[in-house]
Amino acid sequence: MARDLSLGEAASAIGVSVDTLRRWDRSGRLKTKRDSRNRRLVPSSEVRRLSQRPERHQTGTHRSARNRFRGVVRSVEADGVMALVEIEAGPFLITAAITRDAIEELGLAAGVNATAVVKATSVMIERGAAA
């Protein structure tokens, strides 16, 4: 018999955040149960169903951010452990402060295609195809 998963276990298995699962539960997109302590539990059948949905992004790593700006890196200025990355994404010019390690890991340099992912007050940078 398949067991029910905690929100954290289900979020990890599906590849989304716990907040996303709570939002899906409230909107009816996810069916949950409650245990004796009123905690949400996600049936394994729901995890399977949601895990089979097609990936929305081509980057290979799913992110729940809705604001994605694909463009080209205009400049990278590294100083110490931090760096500024400037991306030209259509009519937008986006500047993000990220670590030097992230610059090196992503291979960011002027002319490289990248995506600025804006979520709340944070900007994350992904390397990828231009729009």
N, C-alpha and C. Protein backbone atom coordinates (compact mmCIF):
# COMPACT_ATOMS: atom_id res chain seq x y z
N MET A 1 0.84 -1.18 0.00
CA MET A 1 0.00 0.00 0.00
C MET A 1 0.89 1.25 0.00
N ALA A 2 0.58 2.19 -0.88
CA ALA A 2 1.36 3.43 -0.97
C ALA A 2 1.04 4.33 0.21
N ARG A 3 2.07 4.98 0.72
CA ARG A 3 1.85 5.83 1.88
C ARG A 3 1.66 7.28 1.46
N ASP A 4 1.08 8.05 2.36
CA ASP A 4 0.94 9.48 2.14
C ASP A 4 2.25 10.16 2.52
N LEU A 5 2.56 11.25 1.83
CA LEU A 5 3.81 11.97 2.06
C LEU A 5 3.55 13.30 2.75
N SER A 6 4.51 13.74 3.54
CA SER A 6 4.42 15.08 4.13
C SER A 6 4.56 16.09 3.00
N LEU A 7 4.21 17.36 3.26
CA LEU A 7 4.36 18.39 2.23
C LEU A 7 5.80 18.50 1.77
N GLY A 8 6.74 18.44 2.70
CA GLY A 8 8.15 18.56 2.35
C GLY A 8 8.60 17.42 1.45
N GLU A 9 8.19 16.18 1.80
CA GLU A 9 8.55 15.03 0.98
C GLU A 9 7.93 15.12 -0.41
N ALA A 10 6.67 15.53 -0.47
CA ALA A 10 5.98 15.64 -1.76
C ALA A 10 6.60 16.76 -2.61
N ALA A 11 6.90 17.89 -1.99
CA ALA A 11 7.50 19.01 -2.73
C ALA A 11 8.84 18.59 -3.33
N SER A 12 9.64 17.89 -2.56
CA SER A 12 10.93 17.41 -3.04
C SER A 12 10.76 16.43 -4.20
N ALA A 13 9.81 15.53 -4.08
CA ALA A 13 9.57 14.52 -5.11
C ALA A 13 9.07 15.14 -6.41
N ILE A 14 8.26 16.19 -6.30
CA ILE A 14 7.69 16.83 -7.49
C ILE A 14 8.63 17.87 -8.07
N GLY A 15 9.46 18.46 -7.21
CA GLY A 15 10.39 19.50 -7.68
C GLY A 15 9.83 20.90 -7.57
N VAL A 16 8.98 21.13 -6.58
CA VAL A 16 8.42 22.46 -6.33
C VAL A 16 8.61 22.79 -4.85
N SER A 17 8.25 24.00 -4.46
CA SER A 17 8.38 24.39 -3.06
C SER A 17 7.15 23.96 -2.26
N VAL A 18 7.30 23.93 -0.95
CA VAL A 18 6.19 23.63 -0.06
C VAL A 18 5.11 24.69 -0.21
N ASP A 19 5.51 25.95 -0.37
CA ASP A 19 4.53 27.03 -0.57
C ASP A 19 3.71 26.80 -1.83
N THR A 20 4.34 26.30 -2.88
CA THR A 20 3.60 26.00 -4.11
C THR A 20 2.56 24.93 -3.85
N LEU A 21 2.92 23.88 -3.09
CA LEU A 21 1.94 22.84 -2.78
C LEU A 21 0.78 23.38 -1.95
N ARG A 22 1.08 24.25 -1.01
CA ARG A 22 -0.01 24.86 -0.21
C ARG A 22 -0.95 25.66 -1.11
N ARG A 23 -0.36 26.42 -2.04
CA ARG A 23 -1.15 27.22 -2.97
C ARG A 23 -2.00 26.32 -3.86
N TRP A 24 -1.41 25.21 -4.35
CA TRP A 24 -2.15 24.26 -5.18
C TRP A 24 -3.28 23.61 -4.39
N ASP A 25 -3.05 23.34 -3.11
CA ASP A 25 -4.08 22.75 -2.27
C ASP A 25 -5.25 23.72 -2.11
N ARG A 26 -4.94 24.98 -1.83
CA ARG A 26 -6.01 25.98 -1.66
C ARG A 26 -6.81 26.19 -2.94
N SER A 27 -6.15 26.10 -4.10
CA SER A 27 -6.83 26.35 -5.38
C SER A 27 -7.53 25.10 -5.92
N GLY A 28 -7.30 23.94 -5.29
CA GLY A 28 -7.94 22.71 -5.74
C GLY A 28 -7.12 21.93 -6.76
N ARG A 29 -5.95 22.40 -7.10
CA ARG A 29 -5.09 21.70 -8.08
C ARG A 29 -4.46 20.44 -7.46
N LEU A 30 -4.36 20.41 -6.15
CA LEU A 30 -3.77 19.29 -5.43
C LEU A 30 -4.77 18.81 -4.38
N LYS A 31 -4.94 17.50 -4.31
CA LYS A 31 -5.82 16.93 -3.29
C LYS A 31 -4.95 16.43 -2.14
N THR A 32 -5.22 16.94 -0.94
CA THR A 32 -4.47 16.51 0.23
C THR A 32 -5.43 15.93 1.26
N LYS A 33 -4.82 15.29 2.25
CA LYS A 33 -5.55 14.77 3.41
C LYS A 33 -5.00 15.48 4.63
N ARG A 34 -5.63 15.31 5.76
CA ARG A 34 -5.11 15.85 7.03
C ARG A 34 -4.92 14.69 8.00
N ASP A 35 -3.80 14.77 8.74
CA ASP A 35 -3.58 13.73 9.76
C ASP A 35 -4.25 14.16 11.06
N SER A 36 -4.06 13.37 12.10
CA SER A 36 -4.71 13.65 13.39
C SER A 36 -4.24 14.96 14.01
N ARG A 37 -3.08 15.47 13.58
CA ARG A 37 -2.57 16.74 14.09
C ARG A 37 -2.85 17.87 13.11
N ASN A 38 -3.74 17.63 12.14
CA ASN A 38 -4.19 18.61 11.15
C ASN A 38 -3.09 19.04 10.17
N ARG A 39 -2.07 18.20 9.98
CA ARG A 39 -1.02 18.49 9.00
C ARG A 39 -1.46 17.94 7.65
N ARG A 40 -1.11 18.67 6.59
CA ARG A 40 -1.43 18.20 5.24
C ARG A 40 -0.57 16.99 4.89
N LEU A 41 -1.20 16.01 4.27
CA LEU A 41 -0.51 14.85 3.72
C LEU A 41 -0.90 14.74 2.25
N VAL A 42 0.06 14.37 1.43
CA VAL A 42 -0.18 14.26 -0.01
C VAL A 42 -0.16 12.78 -0.39
N PRO A 43 -1.27 12.27 -0.94
CA PRO A 43 -1.29 10.87 -1.37
C PRO A 43 -0.24 10.63 -2.46
N SER A 44 0.39 9.47 -2.44
CA SER A 44 1.42 9.16 -3.43
C SER A 44 0.86 9.21 -4.85
N SER A 45 -0.45 8.95 -5.01
CA SER A 45 -1.07 9.03 -6.35
C SER A 45 -1.03 10.47 -6.87
N GLU A 46 -1.17 11.45 -5.99
CA GLU A 46 -1.09 12.87 -6.39
C GLU A 46 0.35 13.23 -6.78
N VAL A 47 1.32 12.70 -6.05
CA VAL A 47 2.72 12.95 -6.37
C VAL A 47 3.04 12.38 -7.75
N ARG A 48 2.57 11.16 -8.02
CA ARG A 48 2.79 10.55 -9.35
C ARG A 48 2.13 11.39 -10.44
N ARG A 49 0.90 11.81 -10.21
CA ARG A 49 0.17 12.60 -11.21
C ARG A 49 0.90 13.90 -11.52
N LEU A 50 1.33 14.60 -10.48
CA LEU A 50 1.99 15.89 -10.69
C LEU A 50 3.42 15.75 -11.20
N SER A 51 4.04 14.62 -10.93
CA SER A 51 5.40 14.39 -11.42
C SER A 51 5.42 14.11 -12.91
N GLN A 52 4.30 13.70 -13.47
CA GLN A 52 4.23 13.34 -14.89
C GLN A 52 3.92 14.54 -15.77
N ARG A 53 3.71 15.71 -15.20
CA ARG A 53 3.39 16.87 -16.03
C ARG A 53 4.60 17.27 -16.85
N PRO A 54 4.41 17.80 -18.04
CA PRO A 54 5.55 18.20 -18.86
C PRO A 54 6.32 19.35 -18.23
N GLU A 55 7.62 19.33 -18.39
CA GLU A 55 8.49 20.40 -17.87
C GLU A 55 8.19 21.68 -18.62
N ARG A 56 8.08 22.80 -17.90
CA ARG A 56 7.73 24.07 -18.53
C ARG A 56 8.93 24.81 -19.06
N HIS A 57 10.11 24.48 -18.61
CA HIS A 57 11.30 25.23 -19.00
C HIS A 57 12.31 24.30 -19.64
N GLN A 58 13.12 24.82 -20.53
CA GLN A 58 14.09 24.01 -21.23
C GLN A 58 15.40 23.91 -20.49
N THR A 59 15.55 24.57 -19.37
CA THR A 59 16.83 24.62 -18.69
C THR A 59 17.17 23.34 -17.96
N GLY A 60 16.20 22.46 -17.74
CA GLY A 60 16.46 21.22 -17.03
C GLY A 60 16.21 21.34 -15.54
N THR A 61 16.22 22.54 -15.01
CA THR A 61 15.94 22.76 -13.60
C THR A 61 14.67 23.58 -13.50
N HIS A 62 13.65 23.00 -12.92
CA HIS A 62 12.37 23.71 -12.82
C HIS A 62 12.44 24.74 -11.70
N ARG A 63 11.97 25.92 -11.98
CA ARG A 63 11.85 26.98 -10.99
C ARG A 63 10.42 27.50 -11.07
N SER A 64 9.85 27.85 -9.94
CA SER A 64 8.47 28.29 -9.94
C SER A 64 8.32 29.78 -10.25
N ALA A 65 9.42 30.49 -10.43
CA ALA A 65 9.33 31.93 -10.73
C ALA A 65 8.58 32.15 -12.04
N ARG A 66 7.74 33.16 -12.04
CA ARG A 66 6.94 33.47 -13.23
C ARG A 66 7.62 34.49 -14.13
N ASN A 67 8.52 35.29 -13.60
CA ASN A 67 9.17 36.34 -14.37
C ASN A 67 10.55 35.89 -14.81
N ARG A 68 10.67 35.54 -16.08
CA ARG A 68 11.92 35.05 -16.65
C ARG A 68 12.27 35.94 -17.82
N PHE A 69 13.47 36.48 -17.82
CA PHE A 69 13.91 37.39 -18.87
C PHE A 69 15.10 36.76 -19.58
N ARG A 70 14.87 36.21 -20.78
CA ARG A 70 15.94 35.60 -21.56
C ARG A 70 16.64 36.69 -22.35
N GLY A 71 17.96 36.64 -22.35
CA GLY A 71 18.70 37.65 -23.08
C GLY A 71 20.16 37.29 -23.21
N VAL A 72 20.98 38.32 -23.36
CA VAL A 72 22.42 38.15 -23.57
C VAL A 72 23.16 38.96 -22.51
N VAL A 73 24.21 38.37 -21.94
CA VAL A 73 25.03 39.06 -20.94
C VAL A 73 25.76 40.20 -21.64
N ARG A 74 25.59 41.42 -21.12
CA ARG A 74 26.31 42.58 -21.65
C ARG A 74 27.64 42.77 -20.95
N SER A 75 27.65 42.54 -19.63
CA SER A 75 28.90 42.70 -18.90
C SER A 75 28.88 41.90 -17.61
N VAL A 76 30.09 41.58 -17.14
CA VAL A 76 30.29 40.91 -15.86
C VAL A 76 31.43 41.64 -15.17
N GLU A 77 31.15 42.15 -13.97
CA GLU A 77 32.18 42.84 -13.19
C GLU A 77 32.34 42.12 -11.87
N ALA A 78 33.46 41.44 -11.69
CA ALA A 78 33.71 40.69 -10.47
C ALA A 78 34.70 41.44 -9.60
N ASP A 79 34.38 41.50 -8.29
CA ASP A 79 35.25 42.18 -7.33
C ASP A 79 35.17 41.40 -6.03
N GLY A 80 36.22 40.72 -5.67
CA GLY A 80 36.19 39.91 -4.44
C GLY A 80 35.32 38.70 -4.65
N VAL A 81 34.43 38.44 -3.70
CA VAL A 81 33.57 37.27 -3.80
C VAL A 81 32.27 37.55 -4.54
N MET A 82 31.97 38.81 -4.83
CA MET A 82 30.72 39.18 -5.49
C MET A 82 30.97 39.67 -6.91
N ALA A 83 29.90 39.66 -7.71
CA ALA A 83 29.99 40.14 -9.09
C ALA A 83 28.65 40.76 -9.49
N LEU A 84 28.72 41.68 -10.46
CA LEU A 84 27.52 42.25 -11.07
C LEU A 84 27.41 41.72 -12.48
N VAL A 85 26.24 41.22 -12.82
CA VAL A 85 25.97 40.72 -14.17
C VAL A 85 24.88 41.60 -14.77
N GLU A 86 25.12 42.09 -15.96
CA GLU A 86 24.15 42.92 -16.66
C GLU A 86 23.67 42.13 -17.87
N ILE A 87 22.34 41.93 -17.96
CA ILE A 87 21.74 41.17 -19.05
C ILE A 87 20.80 42.08 -19.83
N GLU A 88 20.95 42.04 -21.15
CA GLU A 88 20.04 42.76 -22.04
C GLU A 88 19.01 41.75 -22.51
N ALA A 89 17.76 41.96 -22.09
CA ALA A 89 16.67 41.04 -22.41
C ALA A 89 15.58 41.83 -23.11
N GLY A 90 15.64 41.86 -24.43
CA GLY A 90 14.69 42.68 -25.19
C GLY A 90 14.85 44.13 -24.80
N PRO A 91 13.75 44.78 -24.42
CA PRO A 91 13.84 46.20 -24.04
C PRO A 91 14.34 46.40 -22.60
N PHE A 92 14.60 45.31 -21.89
CA PHE A 92 14.98 45.40 -20.48
C PHE A 92 16.48 45.24 -20.29
N LEU A 93 17.01 45.99 -19.34
CA LEU A 93 18.40 45.84 -18.92
C LEU A 93 18.35 45.46 -17.45
N ILE A 94 18.81 44.27 -17.13
CA ILE A 94 18.71 43.73 -15.78
C ILE A 94 20.10 43.56 -15.21
N THR A 95 20.30 44.05 -13.99
CA THR A 95 21.58 43.90 -13.30
C THR A 95 21.34 43.08 -12.04
N ALA A 96 22.17 42.06 -11.86
CA ALA A 96 22.04 41.19 -10.69
C ALA A 96 23.38 41.09 -9.99
N ALA A 97 23.34 41.12 -8.66
CA ALA A 97 24.54 40.88 -7.85
C ALA A 97 24.53 39.41 -7.46
N ILE A 98 25.54 38.67 -7.91
CA ILE A 98 25.65 37.25 -7.59
C ILE A 98 27.10 36.96 -7.19
N THR A 99 27.36 35.76 -6.74
CA THR A 99 28.71 35.43 -6.28
C THR A 99 29.65 35.17 -7.47
N ARG A 100 30.92 35.36 -7.22
CA ARG A 100 31.93 35.06 -8.24
C ARG A 100 31.87 33.57 -8.58
N ASP A 101 31.63 32.72 -7.57
CA ASP A 101 31.52 31.28 -7.82
C ASP A 101 30.40 30.98 -8.82
N ALA A 102 29.26 31.69 -8.69
CA ALA A 102 28.15 31.47 -9.62
C ALA A 102 28.54 31.88 -11.03
N ILE A 103 29.27 32.98 -11.15
CA ILE A 103 29.74 33.44 -12.47
C ILE A 103 30.59 32.33 -13.11
N GLU A 104 31.51 31.78 -12.35
CA GLU A 104 32.39 30.75 -12.87
C GLU A 104 31.63 29.46 -13.17
N GLU A 105 30.74 29.06 -12.27
CA GLU A 105 29.98 27.83 -12.45
C GLU A 105 29.09 27.90 -13.69
N LEU A 106 28.47 29.06 -13.93
CA LEU A 106 27.59 29.22 -15.08
C LEU A 106 28.34 29.58 -16.36
N GLY A 107 29.61 29.94 -16.22
CA GLY A 107 30.38 30.33 -17.39
C GLY A 107 29.90 31.62 -18.00
N LEU A 108 29.49 32.57 -17.15
CA LEU A 108 28.94 33.82 -17.65
C LEU A 108 30.04 34.77 -18.09
N ALA A 109 29.84 35.36 -19.26
CA ALA A 109 30.75 36.35 -19.82
C ALA A 109 29.96 37.15 -20.84
N ALA A 110 30.47 38.28 -21.23
CA ALA A 110 29.79 39.10 -22.24
C ALA A 110 29.52 38.26 -23.48
N GLY A 111 28.29 38.37 -24.01
CA GLY A 111 27.90 37.65 -25.21
C GLY A 111 27.25 36.30 -24.97
N VAL A 112 27.27 35.80 -23.73
CA VAL A 112 26.67 34.50 -23.41
C VAL A 112 25.16 34.66 -23.22
N ASN A 113 24.38 33.72 -23.75
CA ASN A 113 22.94 33.73 -23.52
C ASN A 113 22.66 33.35 -22.07
N ALA A 114 21.72 34.06 -21.45
CA ALA A 114 21.39 33.78 -20.05
C ALA A 114 19.94 34.20 -19.79
N THR A 115 19.41 33.73 -18.69
CA THR A 115 18.06 34.08 -18.27
C THR A 115 18.10 34.66 -16.87
N ALA A 116 17.50 35.83 -16.69
CA ALA A 116 17.34 36.42 -15.36
C ALA A 116 16.00 35.93 -14.82
N VAL A 117 16.02 35.28 -13.67
CA VAL A 117 14.81 34.75 -13.06
C VAL A 117 14.50 35.64 -11.86
N VAL A 118 13.39 36.36 -11.91
CA VAL A 118 13.04 37.31 -10.87
C VAL A 118 11.93 36.71 -10.01
N LYS A 119 12.22 36.56 -8.73
CA LYS A 119 11.25 36.01 -7.80
C LYS A 119 11.34 36.83 -6.52
N ALA A 120 10.25 37.44 -6.12
CA ALA A 120 10.22 38.34 -4.96
C ALA A 120 11.27 39.42 -5.18
N THR A 121 12.21 39.56 -4.26
CA THR A 121 13.23 40.60 -4.41
C THR A 121 14.55 40.03 -4.88
N SER A 122 14.57 38.77 -5.30
CA SER A 122 15.80 38.12 -5.73
C SER A 122 15.83 37.97 -7.24
N VAL A 123 17.03 38.05 -7.80
CA VAL A 123 17.22 37.77 -9.22
C VAL A 123 18.23 36.63 -9.31
N MET A 124 17.83 35.54 -9.99
CA MET A 124 18.73 34.42 -10.20
C MET A 124 19.09 34.40 -11.68
N ILE A 125 20.28 33.96 -12.01
CA ILE A 125 20.75 33.92 -13.38
C ILE A 125 20.95 32.47 -13.81
N GLU A 126 20.41 32.14 -15.00
CA GLU A 126 20.61 30.83 -15.60
C GLU A 126 21.26 31.03 -16.95
N ARG A 127 22.14 30.17 -17.32
CA ARG A 127 22.70 30.23 -18.66
C ARG A 127 21.77 29.47 -19.58
N GLY A 128 21.49 30.05 -20.75
CA GLY A 128 20.59 29.37 -21.67
C GLY A 128 20.39 30.15 -22.94
N ALA A 129 19.51 29.64 -23.77
CA ALA A 129 19.24 30.22 -25.09
C ALA A 129 18.56 31.59 -24.96
N ALA A 130 18.92 32.47 -25.87
CA ALA A 130 18.29 33.79 -25.93
C ALA A 130 16.87 33.64 -26.48
N ALA A 131 16.04 34.61 -26.19
CA ALA A 131 14.65 34.57 -26.65
C ALA A 131 14.55 34.64 -28.15
